[in-house]
N, C-alpha and C. Protein backbone atom coordinates (compact mmCIF):
# COMPACT_ATOMS: atom_id res chain seq x y z
N MET A 1 -38.60 -24.88 93.62
CA MET A 1 -37.49 -24.28 92.90
C MET A 1 -37.95 -23.82 91.52
N ARG A 2 -37.62 -22.61 91.20
CA ARG A 2 -38.03 -22.05 89.92
C ARG A 2 -37.12 -22.55 88.79
N PRO A 3 -37.65 -22.63 87.56
CA PRO A 3 -36.83 -23.10 86.42
C PRO A 3 -35.60 -22.24 86.18
N ARG A 4 -35.71 -20.95 86.52
CA ARG A 4 -34.58 -20.05 86.30
C ARG A 4 -33.39 -20.42 87.17
N ASP A 5 -33.67 -20.88 88.39
CA ASP A 5 -32.60 -21.22 89.33
C ASP A 5 -31.85 -22.48 88.92
N ARG A 6 -32.54 -23.43 88.30
CA ARG A 6 -31.89 -24.68 87.90
C ARG A 6 -30.87 -24.46 86.78
N LYS A 7 -31.11 -23.50 85.93
CA LYS A 7 -30.25 -23.29 84.77
C LYS A 7 -28.98 -22.50 85.11
N LYS A 8 -28.86 -21.99 86.32
CA LYS A 8 -27.73 -21.14 86.65
C LYS A 8 -26.38 -21.85 86.55
N GLY A 9 -26.33 -23.13 86.86
CA GLY A 9 -25.07 -23.85 86.86
C GLY A 9 -24.56 -24.19 85.47
N ARG A 10 -25.43 -24.18 84.48
CA ARG A 10 -25.03 -24.55 83.12
C ARG A 10 -24.33 -23.40 82.42
N LYS A 11 -23.36 -23.77 81.59
CA LYS A 11 -22.67 -22.76 80.79
C LYS A 11 -23.21 -22.83 79.37
N LYS A 12 -23.34 -21.66 78.75
CA LYS A 12 -23.83 -21.61 77.38
C LYS A 12 -22.73 -21.97 76.41
N LYS A 13 -23.08 -22.78 75.42
CA LYS A 13 -22.12 -23.12 74.37
C LYS A 13 -22.01 -21.97 73.40
N LYS A 14 -20.80 -21.65 72.99
CA LYS A 14 -20.62 -20.62 71.98
C LYS A 14 -20.71 -21.27 70.61
N ILE A 15 -21.56 -20.70 69.78
CA ILE A 15 -21.76 -21.23 68.44
C ILE A 15 -20.92 -20.43 67.46
N PHE A 16 -20.17 -21.13 66.63
CA PHE A 16 -19.31 -20.48 65.65
C PHE A 16 -20.00 -20.52 64.29
N TYR A 17 -20.21 -19.34 63.72
CA TYR A 17 -20.78 -19.24 62.39
C TYR A 17 -19.71 -18.80 61.42
N ARG A 18 -19.62 -19.50 60.28
CA ARG A 18 -18.65 -19.14 59.26
C ARG A 18 -19.15 -17.93 58.49
N LYS A 19 -18.28 -16.97 58.26
CA LYS A 19 -18.68 -15.75 57.55
C LYS A 19 -18.99 -16.09 56.11
N LYS A 20 -20.13 -15.61 55.65
CA LYS A 20 -20.54 -15.88 54.27
C LYS A 20 -19.84 -14.89 53.35
N ILE A 21 -19.41 -15.38 52.21
CA ILE A 21 -18.67 -14.56 51.26
C ILE A 21 -19.56 -14.28 50.07
N CYS A 22 -19.53 -13.06 49.58
CA CYS A 22 -20.34 -12.66 48.43
C CYS A 22 -19.87 -13.43 47.20
N ARG A 23 -20.78 -14.11 46.55
CA ARG A 23 -20.47 -14.91 45.37
C ARG A 23 -19.99 -14.04 44.21
N PHE A 24 -20.55 -12.83 44.12
CA PHE A 24 -20.21 -11.93 43.02
C PHE A 24 -18.82 -11.31 43.21
N CYS A 25 -18.47 -10.98 44.45
CA CYS A 25 -17.13 -10.44 44.72
C CYS A 25 -16.07 -11.52 44.53
N GLU A 26 -16.39 -12.73 44.97
CA GLU A 26 -15.44 -13.84 44.89
C GLU A 26 -15.11 -14.18 43.43
N ASN A 27 -16.12 -14.19 42.56
CA ASN A 27 -15.91 -14.53 41.15
C ASN A 27 -15.67 -13.31 40.28
N LYS A 28 -15.60 -12.13 40.90
CA LYS A 28 -15.36 -10.85 40.21
C LYS A 28 -16.39 -10.59 39.11
N ILE A 29 -17.67 -10.83 39.45
CA ILE A 29 -18.76 -10.55 38.53
C ILE A 29 -19.21 -9.11 38.77
N GLU A 30 -19.05 -8.27 37.78
CA GLU A 30 -19.40 -6.85 37.92
C GLU A 30 -20.85 -6.59 37.52
N VAL A 31 -21.30 -7.22 36.43
CA VAL A 31 -22.63 -6.96 35.91
C VAL A 31 -23.56 -8.13 36.24
N ILE A 32 -24.68 -7.81 36.87
CA ILE A 32 -25.71 -8.82 37.13
C ILE A 32 -26.82 -8.57 36.11
N ASP A 33 -26.95 -9.48 35.16
CA ASP A 33 -27.86 -9.29 34.04
C ASP A 33 -29.22 -9.91 34.35
N TYR A 34 -30.28 -9.20 34.07
CA TYR A 34 -31.63 -9.71 34.34
C TYR A 34 -32.01 -10.86 33.40
N LYS A 35 -31.25 -11.04 32.31
CA LYS A 35 -31.55 -12.12 31.36
C LYS A 35 -30.90 -13.44 31.77
N ASP A 36 -30.02 -13.41 32.77
CA ASP A 36 -29.34 -14.61 33.24
C ASP A 36 -30.21 -15.31 34.29
N ILE A 37 -31.17 -16.10 33.83
CA ILE A 37 -32.16 -16.71 34.71
C ILE A 37 -31.54 -17.78 35.61
N LYS A 38 -30.55 -18.51 35.12
CA LYS A 38 -29.91 -19.55 35.93
C LYS A 38 -29.30 -18.96 37.19
N LEU A 39 -28.68 -17.81 37.05
CA LEU A 39 -28.07 -17.14 38.20
C LEU A 39 -29.13 -16.59 39.15
N LEU A 40 -30.15 -15.97 38.60
CA LEU A 40 -31.18 -15.33 39.43
C LEU A 40 -32.02 -16.34 40.19
N ARG A 41 -32.23 -17.53 39.62
CA ARG A 41 -33.04 -18.56 40.29
C ARG A 41 -32.44 -18.99 41.62
N ASN A 42 -31.11 -18.89 41.76
CA ASN A 42 -30.46 -19.28 43.01
C ASN A 42 -30.80 -18.34 44.16
N PHE A 43 -31.27 -17.15 43.84
CA PHE A 43 -31.54 -16.15 44.87
C PHE A 43 -33.03 -15.89 45.05
N VAL A 44 -33.87 -16.81 44.55
CA VAL A 44 -35.32 -16.71 44.71
C VAL A 44 -35.81 -18.03 45.27
N THR A 45 -36.73 -17.97 46.26
CA THR A 45 -37.29 -19.20 46.84
C THR A 45 -38.31 -19.82 45.90
N GLU A 46 -38.83 -20.99 46.26
CA GLU A 46 -39.84 -21.66 45.45
C GLU A 46 -41.12 -20.83 45.40
N ARG A 47 -41.35 -20.06 46.46
CA ARG A 47 -42.55 -19.22 46.53
C ARG A 47 -42.40 -17.91 45.75
N GLY A 48 -41.18 -17.63 45.26
CA GLY A 48 -40.95 -16.43 44.46
C GLY A 48 -40.38 -15.27 45.24
N LYS A 49 -40.01 -15.49 46.51
CA LYS A 49 -39.47 -14.41 47.32
C LYS A 49 -37.96 -14.29 47.11
N ILE A 50 -37.45 -13.08 47.19
CA ILE A 50 -36.02 -12.83 47.06
C ILE A 50 -35.35 -13.20 48.38
N ILE A 51 -34.28 -13.98 48.31
CA ILE A 51 -33.56 -14.42 49.50
C ILE A 51 -32.80 -13.23 50.09
N PRO A 52 -32.94 -12.98 51.40
CA PRO A 52 -32.29 -11.82 52.00
C PRO A 52 -30.77 -11.95 52.05
N ARG A 53 -30.14 -10.81 52.22
CA ARG A 53 -28.68 -10.71 52.21
C ARG A 53 -28.03 -11.53 53.32
N ARG A 54 -28.64 -11.54 54.50
CA ARG A 54 -28.04 -12.25 55.63
C ARG A 54 -28.02 -13.75 55.41
N ILE A 55 -28.90 -14.25 54.57
CA ILE A 55 -28.93 -15.68 54.28
C ILE A 55 -28.07 -16.01 53.06
N SER A 56 -28.16 -15.20 52.01
CA SER A 56 -27.42 -15.48 50.78
C SER A 56 -25.93 -15.16 50.93
N GLY A 57 -25.59 -14.19 51.80
CA GLY A 57 -24.19 -13.85 52.00
C GLY A 57 -23.66 -12.80 51.05
N ASN A 58 -24.53 -12.18 50.27
CA ASN A 58 -24.09 -11.15 49.34
C ASN A 58 -23.71 -9.87 50.08
N CYS A 59 -22.84 -9.09 49.46
CA CYS A 59 -22.54 -7.76 50.02
C CYS A 59 -23.69 -6.82 49.62
N ALA A 60 -23.78 -5.69 50.29
CA ALA A 60 -24.91 -4.77 50.08
C ALA A 60 -25.02 -4.26 48.64
N PRO A 61 -23.93 -3.80 48.00
CA PRO A 61 -24.08 -3.31 46.63
C PRO A 61 -24.55 -4.39 45.65
N HIS A 62 -24.02 -5.59 45.80
CA HIS A 62 -24.42 -6.68 44.90
C HIS A 62 -25.85 -7.13 45.19
N GLN A 63 -26.27 -7.10 46.46
CA GLN A 63 -27.65 -7.47 46.77
C GLN A 63 -28.62 -6.48 46.15
N ARG A 64 -28.26 -5.19 46.15
CA ARG A 64 -29.12 -4.18 45.54
C ARG A 64 -29.24 -4.40 44.04
N ARG A 65 -28.11 -4.68 43.38
CA ARG A 65 -28.14 -4.93 41.93
C ARG A 65 -28.92 -6.20 41.61
N LEU A 66 -28.75 -7.21 42.45
CA LEU A 66 -29.45 -8.47 42.27
C LEU A 66 -30.97 -8.28 42.38
N THR A 67 -31.39 -7.50 43.36
CA THR A 67 -32.81 -7.24 43.56
C THR A 67 -33.41 -6.53 42.35
N VAL A 68 -32.70 -5.55 41.83
CA VAL A 68 -33.17 -4.82 40.64
C VAL A 68 -33.27 -5.78 39.46
N ALA A 69 -32.27 -6.64 39.28
CA ALA A 69 -32.28 -7.59 38.16
C ALA A 69 -33.45 -8.58 38.28
N ILE A 70 -33.73 -9.05 39.49
CA ILE A 70 -34.84 -9.99 39.69
C ILE A 70 -36.17 -9.30 39.38
N LYS A 71 -36.32 -8.05 39.82
CA LYS A 71 -37.55 -7.32 39.56
C LYS A 71 -37.73 -7.03 38.06
N GLN A 72 -36.64 -6.75 37.36
CA GLN A 72 -36.72 -6.55 35.91
C GLN A 72 -37.13 -7.84 35.21
N ALA A 73 -36.55 -8.96 35.64
CA ALA A 73 -36.87 -10.25 35.04
C ALA A 73 -38.33 -10.63 35.30
N ARG A 74 -38.85 -10.25 36.45
CA ARG A 74 -40.26 -10.51 36.75
C ARG A 74 -41.16 -9.69 35.84
N ASN A 75 -40.79 -8.44 35.61
CA ASN A 75 -41.64 -7.55 34.81
C ASN A 75 -41.77 -7.99 33.35
N ILE A 76 -40.73 -8.61 32.81
CA ILE A 76 -40.85 -9.08 31.42
C ILE A 76 -41.10 -10.59 31.37
N ALA A 77 -41.57 -11.14 32.49
CA ALA A 77 -42.04 -12.54 32.60
C ALA A 77 -40.95 -13.59 32.37
N LEU A 78 -39.71 -13.28 32.72
CA LEU A 78 -38.68 -14.32 32.71
C LEU A 78 -38.69 -15.10 34.02
N LEU A 79 -39.06 -14.42 35.10
CA LEU A 79 -39.24 -15.05 36.41
C LEU A 79 -40.68 -14.82 36.87
N PRO A 80 -41.25 -15.80 37.57
CA PRO A 80 -42.61 -15.59 38.07
C PRO A 80 -42.62 -14.69 39.32
N PHE A 81 -43.71 -13.95 39.51
CA PHE A 81 -43.86 -13.16 40.73
C PHE A 81 -44.07 -14.08 41.92
N ALA A 82 -44.86 -15.12 41.74
CA ALA A 82 -45.11 -16.10 42.79
C ALA A 82 -45.43 -17.44 42.15
N GLU A 83 -45.00 -18.50 42.81
CA GLU A 83 -45.31 -19.85 42.33
C GLU A 83 -46.59 -20.32 43.01
N ALA A 84 -47.39 -20.99 42.31
CA ALA A 84 -48.68 -21.46 42.90
C ALA A 84 -48.50 -22.77 43.63
C-alpha cells in the first residue's frame, strides 16, 4: 500500500489565522520619522534585516515609508546595516 492511499481517509484541519492590523493605521501615525529608533527597532531583526509586510502586518503604504525611514537611519548610522 502506498503512503498516498493511507492518507485518503483523513480530513485536513482548517487553520484560522487572525488578520494582522497595521500598527500605524491603528494609532493614526501619519509620519514615520527616521530619528525614532525605538519604533524602527521593532521592524528590524537582530541580523539587521527589515521584517516583511506579511509578518509585521503593516499596510503597503506604511511599509514603504517604514523601509525608507530604516534605510535613512542606516545611512546616518542610527541603525546598523548588519549585526555581527
